[in-house]
Structures are given as structure tokens and as C-alpha cells.
């Protein structure tokens, strides 16, 4: 008579879990062009689900019953391999209040090109739903910003959602630190159409109509996003310093009649000193050029980001 071997339930569970995990990894490592397109669409379809809400309970309750009265898509243009930077920025922005507004922080990059990116970014999308994958070749000044803005209307085309899906769209970089409460406070009194907001270049200028807004972080209203999607002006002029090119779109298209210069609440980190820098001060919306950890730590310490936390004695390690 044959002997039937029976696995204990815990061992069987572990075996099945391991098997399915290996299958999962195999599938992602075997992504072909069709499967990668599905991953890119997953990154796009997930973008409206993950929101950095205020920690205040009443704000959270209100946000679930009706759209917030001020909605901002906060796009951080970065690179697929910047995993640690993204996790760090999730801490930076996920612990901030947004004064009852809806601020959706998303990480934006172009098509993935390596197998490890396809696996690890897929896991990020599944866990955080805060990544937008654009259909482009990774670049800084060869059309990535145009692809970002022009892709959004189709991406957020939801007849059952709020109209517009966002009042404003921000483009910023992963070396900028925004204080979201100050940003929202500065936006509330401003027009919600034909608006172009940021730090005007050249550095000595205070006139937002002279040139363009610095790439450290600039914001446009949703109607300008829709215009970028359909106009031939931006479509035919995508290469060059991306912030300067965006300003040229506005000038050639006679757009952005409403402009707001947030200088000197936005500025570069004080060191090294240039015409675009000054010391850190309380009335700050954004600090740019935080290229290393020391600059980030100094900035966070200055704004007392963690000073209200008092470690419990029972967790004190001598």
C-alpha cells in the first residue's frame, strides 16, 4: 500500500506563498513591450487614488464626502532609479498639513528601461499609487515637461470626478523642498484660470511678465494644462531649458495673463551664495538646490519640522 505524505498546514502555506512570490517575480522580469505598456498605464491609472491629506480628522472626513475646494497636483520630476529619494520625499510631504486642501504628490518619470526598474517601480505603484510613467525617453530638456503637462487631461478624464480634476498643476524637482501649508495659503486668494506662478527669472527681477518662472517649482492653472495639450505652440517647441521653454509658450500663446511672483518666499539654498539665494527665513514656501543630505537636514531643522516630537523615556537608548 502506498504511503501518502501529508505536509503540515504551516509548511504548505509557506510553500504556496514562496511559489506565488517566485511566479510574481518571474512575470515582472519577463515583461515584454505589451506588458510594459500595461505597467505604464497602471502608473497612470493609479495616480488619482493616492492623496496626501491633512492629518486633521475633520479635513479627512470632508475630503471623502465632497471634492476639496482647492486641488493641486504636485508633480515631482525625477528618475526611475531614485528610489531612496522618493522614499525620503514621501516622508517630507506625507507628514505635512495642507490646510484642508487636496494636494496629490506624484513622482513623474519616463518609460522604464531596465528589468530591475520594472519590478521595483511596479511594487512602488502597488504600495503607494503615487507614480506617473510618461511615454517618453528619459530627459531633462528635450520634452519631458511638455509630455508631463500634455498627458494630464487624458489621464484625468473622468466624467464622474470633479471638474476640473485639479485647479493647479505644479512641476518641481526632487531637490526642492516645499512647505505645503504656505504654498496653499499663497494660492487661495489667486485666480484659478490663466495663472502662472513661481520664482521669476532673472533673479534680480520682481516682474513676473519679464521672462519665465524658475524650474525649482512653477505652477499653472488647469486651463493652461488643457491648452498645452491641444496647442501647436508648445507641441512644436519642446527642446531647450524646460523652465525657459514653458515661459516662451506662455508668451507666444499670449497666455498666463494672471501671474504671481512668489519671490522671496521661494529661493535657492543660501550656500553657495548667488543672486538667487538668501538666508533661510520663516516666510518660506520653497527652498531649492538641496543637493546633499546636510542641506536637507539643515533646512528641516531650521523649520522645526520634528521639534514637536518628544521621545518617550521608555524608548530611550542610553
Protein backbone atom coordinates (compact mmCIF):
# COMPACT_ATOMS: atom_id res chain seq x y z
CA UNK A 1 0.00 0.00 0.00
CA UNK A 2 1.34 3.47 -0.96
CA UNK A 3 2.27 5.87 1.78
CA UNK A 4 0.69 9.33 1.43
CA UNK A 5 2.85 12.15 2.70
CA UNK A 6 0.90 14.97 4.24
CA UNK A 7 2.52 18.37 4.72
CA UNK A 8 1.66 20.25 7.90
CA UNK A 9 -0.55 23.26 7.11
CA UNK A 10 2.04 25.91 8.09
CA UNK A 11 4.63 24.33 5.80
CA UNK A 12 2.11 24.04 2.97
CA UNK A 13 1.19 27.72 3.40
CA UNK A 14 4.82 28.78 3.30
CA UNK A 15 5.46 26.65 0.23
CA UNK A 16 2.49 28.13 -1.63
CA UNK A 17 3.45 31.69 -0.62
CA UNK A 18 7.00 31.18 -1.84
CA UNK A 19 5.75 29.66 -5.08
CA UNK A 20 3.42 32.56 -5.87
CA UNK A 21 6.11 35.11 -4.99
CA UNK A 22 8.55 33.44 -7.41
CA UNK A 23 5.86 33.41 -10.09
CA UNK A 24 5.21 37.12 -9.45
CA UNK A 25 8.90 37.99 -9.86
CA UNK A 26 9.17 35.84 -12.97
CA UNK A 27 6.24 37.64 -14.56
CA UNK A 28 7.67 41.08 -13.90
CA UNK A 29 11.15 40.14 -15.07
CA UNK A 30 9.61 38.75 -18.26
CA UNK A 31 7.81 41.97 -19.18
CA UNK A 32 7.75 42.50 -22.96
CA UNK A 33 6.69 45.67 -24.72
CA UNK A 34 2.98 44.92 -24.38
CA UNK A 35 3.32 44.13 -20.70
CA UNK A 36 5.40 47.25 -20.12
CA UNK A 37 2.70 49.36 -21.71
CA UNK A 38 0.29 47.85 -19.20
CA UNK A 39 2.66 48.84 -16.39
CA UNK A 40 2.86 52.39 -17.70
CA UNK A 41 -0.93 52.56 -17.81
CA UNK A 42 -1.05 51.16 -14.29
CA UNK A 43 1.11 54.06 -13.16
CA UNK A 44 -1.22 56.48 -14.93
CA UNK A 45 -4.47 54.91 -13.78
CA UNK A 46 -3.34 54.82 -10.16
CA UNK A 47 -2.44 58.49 -9.91
CA UNK A 48 -5.85 59.70 -8.76
CA UNK A 49 -6.09 57.27 -5.85
CA UNK A 50 -3.26 58.33 -3.54
CA UNK A 51 -3.65 61.64 -1.72
CA UNK A 52 -1.56 63.33 0.93
CA UNK A 53 -4.37 64.55 3.20
CA UNK A 54 -4.24 66.83 6.21
CA UNK A 55 -3.70 64.99 9.47
CA UNK A 56 -6.73 66.76 10.88
CA UNK A 57 -9.62 64.28 11.13
CA UNK A 58 -12.28 66.77 10.09
CA UNK A 59 -10.36 67.52 6.90
CA UNK A 60 -10.16 63.83 6.06
CA UNK A 61 -13.87 63.34 6.66
CA UNK A 62 -14.74 66.33 4.49
CA UNK A 63 -12.47 65.15 1.69
CA UNK A 64 -14.32 61.84 1.44
CA UNK A 65 -17.76 63.46 1.13
CA UNK A 66 -17.04 66.13 -1.49
CA UNK A 67 -14.11 67.42 -3.54
CA UNK A 68 -11.79 69.81 -1.71
CA UNK A 69 -12.28 73.47 -2.55
CA UNK A 70 -8.65 73.69 -3.69
CA UNK A 71 -6.99 70.81 -5.53
CA UNK A 72 -3.33 70.75 -6.55
CA UNK A 73 -1.45 68.09 -8.50
CA UNK A 74 2.12 68.31 -7.21
CA UNK A 75 4.37 66.63 -9.78
CA UNK A 76 7.98 65.93 -8.84
CA UNK A 77 10.04 65.20 -11.94
CA UNK A 78 12.66 62.63 -11.04
CA UNK A 79 14.41 59.49 -12.36
CA UNK A 80 13.31 55.86 -12.05
CA UNK A 81 16.45 54.83 -10.15
CA UNK A 82 15.98 57.45 -7.42
CA UNK A 83 14.26 55.02 -5.04
CA UNK A 84 15.76 56.39 -1.82
CA UNK A 85 14.98 59.98 -2.79
CA UNK A 86 11.34 59.08 -3.44
CA UNK A 87 11.01 57.33 -0.09
CA UNK A 88 12.60 60.33 1.62
CA UNK A 89 10.25 62.77 -0.10
CA UNK A 90 7.25 60.63 0.85
CA UNK A 91 8.23 61.30 4.47
CA UNK A 92 8.76 65.00 3.78
CA UNK A 93 5.36 65.56 2.16
CA UNK A 94 3.35 62.81 3.84
CA UNK A 95 3.83 64.44 7.26
CA UNK A 96 2.71 67.93 6.21
CA UNK A 97 -0.67 69.57 6.64
CA UNK A 98 -2.38 71.09 3.62
CA UNK A 99 -4.90 73.40 5.31
CA UNK A 100 -7.91 71.37 4.16
CA UNK A 101 -6.84 71.44 0.51
CA UNK A 102 -6.15 68.34 -1.57
CA UNK A 103 -2.50 68.10 -2.59
CA UNK A 104 -1.68 64.95 -4.55
CA UNK A 105 2.08 64.42 -4.61
CA UNK A 106 3.23 62.33 -7.59
CA UNK A 107 6.62 61.25 -8.88
CA UNK A 108 6.99 61.65 -12.63
CA UNK A 109 9.43 59.93 -14.97
CA UNK A 110 9.63 58.49 -18.48
CA UNK A 111 9.50 54.91 -19.73
CA UNK A 112 11.39 52.32 -17.72
CA UNK A 113 14.43 50.83 -19.45
CA UNK A 114 15.83 48.20 -17.06
CA UNK A 115 14.44 44.99 -15.63
CA UNK A 116 15.05 45.99 -12.01
CA UNK A 117 13.14 49.23 -12.59
CA UNK A 118 10.17 47.32 -13.95
CA UNK A 119 9.99 45.13 -10.86
CA UNK A 120 10.77 47.71 -8.18
CA UNK A 121 8.69 50.53 -9.66
CA UNK A 122 5.78 48.12 -10.08
CA UNK A 123 6.00 47.37 -6.36
CA UNK A 124 6.04 51.11 -5.60
CA UNK A 125 2.92 51.62 -7.68
CA UNK A 126 1.16 48.75 -5.92
CA UNK A 127 2.15 50.08 -2.50
CA UNK A 128 1.88 53.86 -2.89
CA UNK A 129 -0.03 54.69 -6.12
CA UNK A 130 1.97 57.91 -6.44
CA UNK A 131 3.91 57.41 -9.68
CA UNK A 132 3.20 58.69 -13.18
CA UNK A 133 5.08 56.96 -16.01
CA UNK A 134 5.18 59.09 -19.15
CA UNK A 135 5.53 57.73 -22.67
CA UNK A 136 8.90 59.30 -23.45
CA UNK A 137 12.64 58.72 -23.34
CA UNK A 138 14.12 60.00 -20.08
CA UNK A 139 15.46 63.53 -20.49
CA UNK A 140 15.67 66.91 -18.80
CA UNK A 141 15.33 69.46 -21.58
CA UNK A 142 14.06 67.50 -24.57
CA UNK A 143 10.34 67.44 -23.98
CA UNK A 144 9.74 65.67 -20.67
CA UNK A 145 7.95 68.66 -19.16
CA UNK A 146 5.81 69.02 -22.28
CA UNK A 147 4.90 65.32 -22.12
CA UNK A 148 4.03 65.71 -18.44
CA UNK A 149 1.61 68.61 -18.91
CA UNK A 150 0.12 67.42 -22.20
CA UNK A 151 -0.59 63.90 -20.87
CA UNK A 152 -2.61 65.03 -17.85
CA UNK A 153 -6.00 65.93 -19.44
CA UNK A 154 -6.42 62.45 -20.91
CA UNK A 155 -5.01 60.81 -17.78
CA UNK A 156 -7.56 62.51 -15.54
CA UNK A 157 -10.52 62.38 -17.92
CA UNK A 158 -13.19 61.16 -15.52
CA UNK A 159 -16.78 62.31 -16.20
CA UNK A 160 -17.77 61.30 -12.67
CA UNK A 161 -14.89 63.13 -10.99
CA UNK A 162 -14.58 66.80 -10.03
CA UNK A 163 -14.33 69.35 -12.80
CA UNK A 164 -11.60 70.39 -13.17
CA UNK A 165 -9.78 67.44 -11.59
CA UNK A 166 -7.22 69.93 -10.25
CA UNK A 167 -7.26 73.69 -10.06
CA UNK A 168 -3.47 73.88 -10.38
CA UNK A 169 -0.62 71.66 -11.54
CA UNK A 170 2.87 72.01 -10.10
CA UNK A 171 6.09 70.99 -11.81
CA UNK A 172 9.05 70.74 -9.45
CA UNK A 173 12.29 68.80 -8.97
CA UNK A 174 13.44 66.33 -6.34
CA UNK A 175 15.97 68.80 -4.89
CA UNK A 176 13.28 71.30 -3.88
CA UNK A 177 11.53 71.44 -0.51
CA UNK A 178 8.04 72.94 -0.44
CA UNK A 179 6.19 73.88 2.71
CA UNK A 180 2.73 72.87 1.58
CA UNK A 181 0.76 74.91 4.12
CA UNK A 182 2.48 78.13 2.97
CA UNK A 183 2.02 77.17 -0.67
CA UNK A 184 -1.71 76.60 -0.20
CA UNK A 185 -2.12 79.83 1.78
CA UNK A 186 -0.47 81.78 -1.05
CA UNK A 187 -2.72 80.15 -3.67
CA UNK A 188 -6.10 80.71 -2.03
CA UNK A 189 -6.54 84.37 -2.99
CA UNK A 190 -5.25 83.90 -6.56
CA UNK A 191 -7.24 83.40 -9.79
CA UNK A 192 -7.89 79.80 -10.79
CA UNK A 193 -7.64 80.40 -14.51
CA UNK A 194 -4.80 81.55 -16.75
CA UNK A 195 -2.41 81.53 -13.78
CA UNK A 196 1.38 81.11 -13.94
CA UNK A 197 3.06 81.02 -10.52
CA UNK A 198 6.64 80.69 -9.34
CA UNK A 199 10.03 82.34 -8.88
CA UNK A 200 10.60 84.76 -11.72
CA UNK A 201 13.87 84.69 -13.67
CA UNK A 202 16.19 86.64 -13.90
CA UNK A 203 16.99 86.54 -10.21
CA UNK A 204 17.06 90.32 -9.57
CA UNK A 205 13.68 90.83 -11.28
CA UNK A 206 10.39 91.13 -9.39
CA UNK A 207 8.29 91.45 -12.55
CA UNK A 208 6.60 88.12 -13.45
CA UNK A 209 5.90 89.34 -17.00
CA UNK A 210 9.55 89.92 -17.91
CA UNK A 211 10.71 86.38 -18.54
CA UNK A 212 9.79 83.00 -17.03
CA UNK A 213 9.44 81.04 -13.77
CA UNK A 214 12.38 79.04 -12.44
CA UNK A 215 12.36 75.26 -12.77
CA UNK A 216 12.77 74.91 -8.99
CA UNK A 217 8.98 74.76 -8.99
CA UNK A 218 6.31 76.52 -11.01
CA UNK A 219 2.57 76.07 -11.14
CA UNK A 220 -0.05 76.62 -13.84
CA UNK A 221 -3.83 76.51 -13.73
CA UNK A 222 -5.72 73.58 -15.25
CA UNK A 223 -6.96 75.57 -18.26
CA UNK A 224 -3.31 76.16 -19.26
CA UNK A 225 -2.65 72.42 -18.95
CA UNK A 226 -5.52 71.80 -21.37
CA UNK A 227 -4.17 74.49 -23.72
CA UNK A 228 -0.72 72.83 -23.74
CA UNK A 229 -2.43 69.56 -24.65
CA UNK A 230 -4.08 71.00 -27.80
CA UNK A 231 -1.93 73.95 -28.93
CA UNK A 232 0.64 73.68 -31.69
CA UNK A 233 2.82 76.29 -29.96
CA UNK A 234 4.17 74.02 -27.19
CA UNK A 235 3.97 70.94 -29.41
CA UNK A 236 6.40 72.48 -31.90
CA UNK A 237 8.79 73.85 -29.27
CA UNK A 238 9.74 71.22 -26.71
CA UNK A 239 13.55 71.36 -26.57
CA UNK A 240 15.67 73.72 -24.54
CA UNK A 241 15.87 74.67 -20.83
CA UNK A 242 12.45 73.40 -19.76
CA UNK A 243 11.51 76.30 -17.50
CA UNK A 244 12.51 78.87 -20.11
CA UNK A 245 10.64 76.95 -22.82
CA UNK A 246 7.47 76.94 -20.68
CA UNK A 247 7.72 80.72 -20.34
CA UNK A 248 8.10 81.04 -24.11
CA UNK A 249 4.93 79.01 -24.62
CA UNK A 250 3.04 81.49 -22.48
CA UNK A 251 4.48 84.48 -24.29
CA UNK A 252 3.91 83.15 -27.82
CA UNK A 253 0.43 81.93 -26.99
CA UNK A 254 -0.44 85.14 -25.14
CA UNK A 255 -1.38 83.06 -22.14
CA UNK A 256 -0.91 83.42 -18.38
CA UNK A 257 -2.33 86.90 -18.06
CA UNK A 258 -2.51 86.17 -14.34
CA UNK A 259 0.98 85.76 -12.91
CA UNK A 260 2.25 85.54 -9.37
CA UNK A 261 5.88 86.01 -8.39
CA UNK A 262 6.45 84.12 -5.13
CA UNK A 263 9.92 85.61 -4.65
CA UNK A 264 11.40 85.83 -1.99
CA UNK A 265 9.36 83.14 -0.33
CA UNK A 266 10.97 80.83 -2.89
CA UNK A 267 14.75 80.83 -3.23
CA UNK A 268 17.89 78.75 -3.57
CA UNK A 269 19.70 77.34 -0.56
CA UNK A 270 21.99 80.01 0.94
CA UNK A 271 25.26 78.22 0.12
CA UNK A 272 26.88 78.87 -2.30
CA UNK A 273 25.70 82.45 -2.36
CA UNK A 274 24.35 83.73 -5.69
CA UNK A 275 21.84 86.31 -6.81
CA UNK A 276 19.10 83.69 -6.38
CA UNK A 277 19.87 82.90 -2.73
CA UNK A 278 19.33 84.35 0.69
CA UNK A 279 19.32 83.04 4.23
CA UNK A 280 16.59 80.70 5.41
CA UNK A 281 13.68 82.60 6.92
CA UNK A 282 10.24 81.79 8.38
CA UNK A 283 8.14 83.15 5.50
CA UNK A 284 9.29 80.41 3.12
CA UNK A 285 7.34 78.47 0.52
CA UNK A 286 10.20 76.61 -1.16
CA UNK A 287 13.95 76.07 -0.89
CA UNK A 288 15.81 74.84 -3.95
CA UNK A 289 19.16 73.13 -4.67
CA UNK A 290 19.12 70.75 -1.72
CA UNK A 291 21.72 68.57 -3.37
CA UNK A 292 23.00 66.67 -0.35
CA UNK A 293 21.77 65.34 2.98
CA UNK A 294 23.42 68.07 5.07
CA UNK A 295 21.45 70.77 3.23
CA UNK A 296 18.22 68.85 3.69
CA UNK A 297 18.90 68.34 7.41
CA UNK A 298 19.83 71.99 7.98
CA UNK A 299 16.67 73.10 6.20
CA UNK A 300 14.39 70.73 8.11
CA UNK A 301 15.99 71.73 11.42
CA UNK A 302 15.53 75.41 10.67
CA UNK A 303 11.81 74.97 10.08
CA UNK A 304 11.44 72.89 13.27
CA UNK A 305 9.95 70.00 11.30
CA UNK A 306 10.47 67.46 14.10
CA UNK A 307 10.90 69.72 17.15
CA UNK A 308 7.43 68.97 18.50
CA UNK A 309 8.22 65.28 18.86
CA UNK A 310 9.23 64.30 22.39
CA UNK A 311 10.70 60.79 22.56
CA UNK A 312 9.29 58.68 25.36
CA UNK A 313 11.69 57.78 28.16
CA UNK A 314 10.74 54.13 27.89
CA UNK A 315 12.23 54.06 24.40
CA UNK A 316 15.36 55.96 25.33
CA UNK A 317 18.58 54.17 24.40
CA UNK A 318 21.46 55.28 26.64
